[in-house]
Amino acid sequence: MIVTARTGIAKPGHLSDALLFTAGIVENMNSKFGVDFSVNIEVGGDPNAMHLVGRFESMGDYQEFREAYMADAEMSEQIKQGAELADITEDILGEVIVPTERNAYGVINTLQAISTNQPAAMEFCAQVCGLASEIIGTPVGLLRRITGDLSMVSFVIGHSTLQAVYDAEAACLSDERYLALYAESASFMVPNSATASIRQRIV
């Protein structure tokens, strides 16, 4: 599965308007083009950040959507209007290596793999997904980047509540198997490269 991620930063004082506008665009796109986009905001991160995430079965499906979207006059006009409310700061394409399940909240833990050992790093990350999924009882997904810094990989987990987010991390950090596997990460991951974010799904 192909994932597209666009980050927009609402202009000061315009977050509510920008969210309402973006949600309307997403609902229109999903209905008009038969696609699957969602809108997410950050919890404990940038208060003005909005994340527009799309999911496609193949790169061909994504290309088909892009061509239809870019040729649609209504969508082009809406994007122009949206520029008054937010600035687009990043576009990323990724591929799902290990699937997860979407929920009200998503945790994204991103690390940088050692580029000279990336295939082994991906195998290691898949092992982490399997063990963490077993520990918390929720599928832990793995995403690799197709554009941008190709050494970056992300673990993605869906949770129904913020308490579930906390409980899942606590469960992993108290499991000796997980800690032992984590200790092996130095051979595959760049030290101190980990970042974490929590996203709340709005649409």
Protein backbone atom coordinates (compact mmCIF):
# COMPACT_ATOMS: atom_id res chain seq x y z
CA MET A 1 0.00 0.00 0.00
CA ILE A 2 1.16 3.52 -0.85
CA VAL A 3 0.71 6.33 1.68
CA THR A 4 0.83 10.04 0.91
CA ALA A 5 1.39 12.54 3.69
CA ARG A 6 1.05 16.30 3.30
CA THR A 7 1.77 18.61 6.21
CA GLY A 8 0.21 22.06 6.40
CA ILE A 9 0.73 24.72 9.04
CA ALA A 10 -2.29 26.88 9.78
CA LYS A 11 -1.55 30.58 9.83
CA PRO A 12 -1.70 32.20 13.29
CA GLY A 13 -5.26 32.47 14.54
CA HIS A 14 -6.69 30.42 11.66
CA LEU A 15 -6.45 26.81 12.88
CA SER A 16 -10.21 26.31 13.30
CA ASP A 17 -10.96 27.79 9.88
CA ALA A 18 -8.12 25.84 8.27
CA LEU A 19 -9.31 22.55 9.79
CA LEU A 20 -12.89 23.15 8.70
CA PHE A 21 -11.74 24.05 5.20
CA THR A 22 -9.38 21.07 4.92
CA ALA A 23 -12.03 18.66 6.21
CA GLY A 24 -14.38 19.92 3.51
CA ILE A 25 -11.77 19.37 0.81
CA VAL A 26 -11.06 15.85 2.06
CA GLU A 27 -14.71 14.87 2.14
CA ASN A 28 -15.11 16.28 -1.37
CA MET A 29 -12.05 14.39 -2.67
CA ASN A 30 -13.10 11.13 -1.08
CA SER A 31 -16.58 11.41 -2.56
CA LYS A 32 -15.59 12.68 -6.01
CA PHE A 33 -12.58 10.45 -6.67
CA GLY A 34 -13.39 7.41 -4.52
CA VAL A 35 -10.18 7.77 -2.51
CA ASP A 36 -9.33 7.39 1.18
CA PHE A 37 -7.91 10.55 2.76
CA SER A 38 -7.96 11.58 6.41
CA VAL A 39 -7.10 14.75 8.35
CA ASN A 40 -5.06 14.59 11.55
CA ILE A 41 -3.78 17.08 14.09
CA GLU A 42 -0.92 16.71 16.55
CA VAL A 43 -1.29 16.01 20.25
CA GLY A 44 1.61 17.45 22.23
CA GLY A 45 3.29 18.74 19.08
CA ASP A 46 2.89 21.72 16.77
CA PRO A 47 -0.55 23.15 17.66
CA ASN A 48 -1.02 24.55 14.14
CA ALA A 49 0.04 21.44 12.19
CA MET A 50 -2.43 19.53 10.03
CA HIS A 51 -1.62 16.23 8.34
CA LEU A 52 -3.49 15.12 5.22
CA VAL A 53 -2.96 11.38 4.72
CA GLY A 54 -4.04 9.34 1.71
CA ARG A 55 -3.92 5.58 1.14
CA PHE A 56 -3.71 3.83 -2.22
CA GLU A 57 -3.43 0.17 -3.13
CA SER A 58 -0.72 0.86 -5.71
CA MET A 59 1.38 3.62 -7.23
CA GLY A 60 -0.79 3.30 -10.33
CA ASP A 61 -3.89 4.12 -8.29
CA TYR A 62 -2.10 7.14 -6.85
CA GLN A 63 -1.11 8.33 -10.32
CA GLU A 64 -4.69 7.96 -11.54
CA PHE A 65 -5.93 10.08 -8.64
CA ARG A 66 -3.25 12.74 -9.18
CA GLU A 67 -4.13 13.13 -12.84
CA ALA A 68 -7.85 13.43 -12.11
CA TYR A 69 -7.27 15.77 -9.18
CA MET A 70 -4.94 18.11 -11.06
CA ALA A 71 -7.34 18.32 -13.99
CA ASP A 72 -10.32 19.20 -11.78
CA ALA A 73 -11.05 22.95 -11.87
CA GLU A 74 -13.10 22.90 -8.66
CA MET A 75 -10.29 21.28 -6.67
CA SER A 76 -7.72 23.71 -8.09
CA GLU A 77 -9.83 26.64 -6.97
CA GLN A 78 -10.27 25.20 -3.49
CA ILE A 79 -6.52 24.74 -3.10
CA LYS A 80 -5.97 28.38 -4.04
CA GLN A 81 -8.47 29.45 -1.38
CA GLY A 82 -6.78 27.24 1.19
CA ALA A 83 -3.47 29.06 0.69
CA GLU A 84 -4.97 31.96 2.62
CA LEU A 85 -5.39 29.76 5.71
CA ALA A 86 -2.33 27.50 5.77
CA ASP A 87 1.08 26.90 4.24
CA ILE A 88 2.05 23.48 2.87
CA THR A 89 5.43 22.57 4.33
CA GLU A 90 6.05 18.95 3.33
CA ASP A 91 4.89 16.19 1.00
CA ILE A 92 6.03 12.60 1.52
CA LEU A 93 5.36 9.32 -0.28
CA GLY A 94 5.76 6.09 1.64
CA GLU A 95 5.09 2.37 1.39
CA VAL A 96 3.50 0.20 4.05
CA ILE A 97 5.82 -2.72 4.83
CA VAL A 98 3.86 -4.06 7.81
CA PRO A 99 0.18 -3.04 8.00
CA THR A 100 -1.55 -1.62 11.04
CA GLU A 101 -5.10 -0.57 11.93
CA ARG A 102 -6.37 2.99 11.98
CA ASN A 103 -8.05 4.38 15.06
CA ALA A 104 -8.90 7.69 16.74
CA TYR A 105 -5.25 8.25 17.64
CA GLY A 106 -2.08 7.26 15.84
CA VAL A 107 1.43 7.03 17.23
CA ILE A 108 4.28 7.52 14.77
CA ASN A 109 7.79 6.69 15.97
CA THR A 110 10.39 7.57 13.35
CA LEU A 111 14.05 6.53 13.32
CA GLN A 112 16.94 6.77 10.91
CA ALA A 113 18.38 3.48 9.71
CA ILE A 114 22.11 3.15 9.13
CA SER A 115 22.15 3.56 5.36
CA THR A 116 24.94 1.04 4.76
CA ASN A 117 22.90 -1.64 6.49
CA GLN A 118 19.35 -0.68 5.52
CA PRO A 119 18.06 -4.10 4.35
CA ALA A 120 19.08 -5.64 7.66
CA ALA A 121 17.60 -2.65 9.46
CA MET A 122 14.23 -3.24 7.80
CA GLU A 123 14.30 -6.89 8.84
CA PHE A 124 15.10 -5.82 12.39
CA CYS A 125 12.23 -3.31 12.37
CA ALA A 126 9.84 -6.02 11.20
CA GLN A 127 10.92 -8.13 14.20
CA VAL A 128 10.19 -5.17 16.49
CA CYS A 129 6.73 -4.85 14.93
CA GLY A 130 5.98 -8.51 15.56
CA LEU A 131 7.08 -8.50 19.19
CA ALA A 132 5.46 -5.16 20.04
CA SER A 133 2.19 -6.30 18.44
CA GLU A 134 2.27 -9.41 20.61
CA ILE A 135 2.94 -7.41 23.77
CA ILE A 136 0.26 -4.75 23.34
CA GLY A 137 -2.32 -6.78 21.43
CA THR A 138 -2.54 -4.17 18.67
CA PRO A 139 -0.92 -4.38 15.21
CA VAL A 140 2.24 -2.28 14.96
CA GLY A 141 2.87 -1.16 11.40
CA LEU A 142 6.06 -0.26 9.55
CA LEU A 143 6.43 2.41 6.88
CA ARG A 144 9.39 3.14 4.62
CA ARG A 145 9.82 6.35 2.65
CA ILE A 146 9.75 6.52 -1.12
CA THR A 147 10.60 10.23 -1.25
CA GLY A 148 12.68 12.41 1.03
CA ASP A 149 15.26 10.84 3.33
CA LEU A 150 15.15 7.16 2.38
CA SER A 151 16.95 6.12 5.55
CA MET A 152 13.95 7.13 7.69
CA VAL A 153 11.53 4.41 8.83
CA SER A 154 8.40 4.80 10.92
CA PHE A 155 6.53 2.54 13.31
CA VAL A 156 2.80 3.31 13.24
CA ILE A 157 0.24 2.22 15.84
CA GLY A 158 -3.46 3.04 16.14
CA HIS A 159 -5.15 3.48 19.52
CA SER A 160 -8.69 4.32 20.63
CA THR A 161 -7.67 6.63 23.49
CA LEU A 162 -4.67 8.58 24.77
CA GLN A 163 -4.60 6.32 27.81
CA ALA A 164 -4.18 3.36 25.47
CA VAL A 165 -1.21 5.16 23.90
CA TYR A 166 0.42 5.48 27.32
CA ASP A 167 -0.42 1.93 28.39
CA ALA A 168 1.04 0.42 25.21
CA GLU A 169 4.37 2.18 25.65
CA ALA A 170 4.49 1.21 29.32
CA ALA A 171 3.79 -2.43 28.44
CA CYS A 172 6.66 -2.54 25.94
CA LEU A 173 9.14 -0.84 28.24
CA SER A 174 8.38 -3.31 31.03
CA ASP A 175 8.83 -6.39 28.82
CA GLU A 176 12.29 -7.98 29.01
CA ARG A 177 12.03 -9.38 25.48
CA TYR A 178 11.35 -5.91 24.08
CA LEU A 179 14.18 -4.34 26.06
CA ALA A 180 16.58 -7.03 24.83
CA LEU A 181 15.54 -6.44 21.22
CA TYR A 182 15.77 -2.68 21.72
CA ALA A 183 19.36 -3.11 22.91
CA GLU A 184 20.22 -4.61 19.51
CA SER A 185 19.06 -1.50 17.66
CA ALA A 186 22.50 0.15 17.82
CA SER A 187 23.63 -2.10 14.97
CA PHE A 188 20.83 -0.92 12.71
CA MET A 189 19.73 2.58 13.77
CA VAL A 190 21.48 5.94 14.02
CA PRO A 191 21.86 6.77 17.73
CA ASN A 192 19.50 9.42 19.15
CA SER A 193 17.57 9.70 15.87
CA ALA A 194 14.19 8.64 17.26
CA THR A 195 11.28 11.08 17.22
CA ALA A 196 7.71 10.43 18.36
CA SER A 197 4.40 12.07 17.55
CA ILE A 198 0.76 11.45 18.43
CA ARG A 199 -1.89 12.29 15.85
CA GLN A 200 -5.62 12.68 16.43
CA ARG A 201 -7.85 11.85 13.49
CA ILE A 202 -10.39 14.57 12.71
CA VAL A 203 -11.84 13.17 9.46
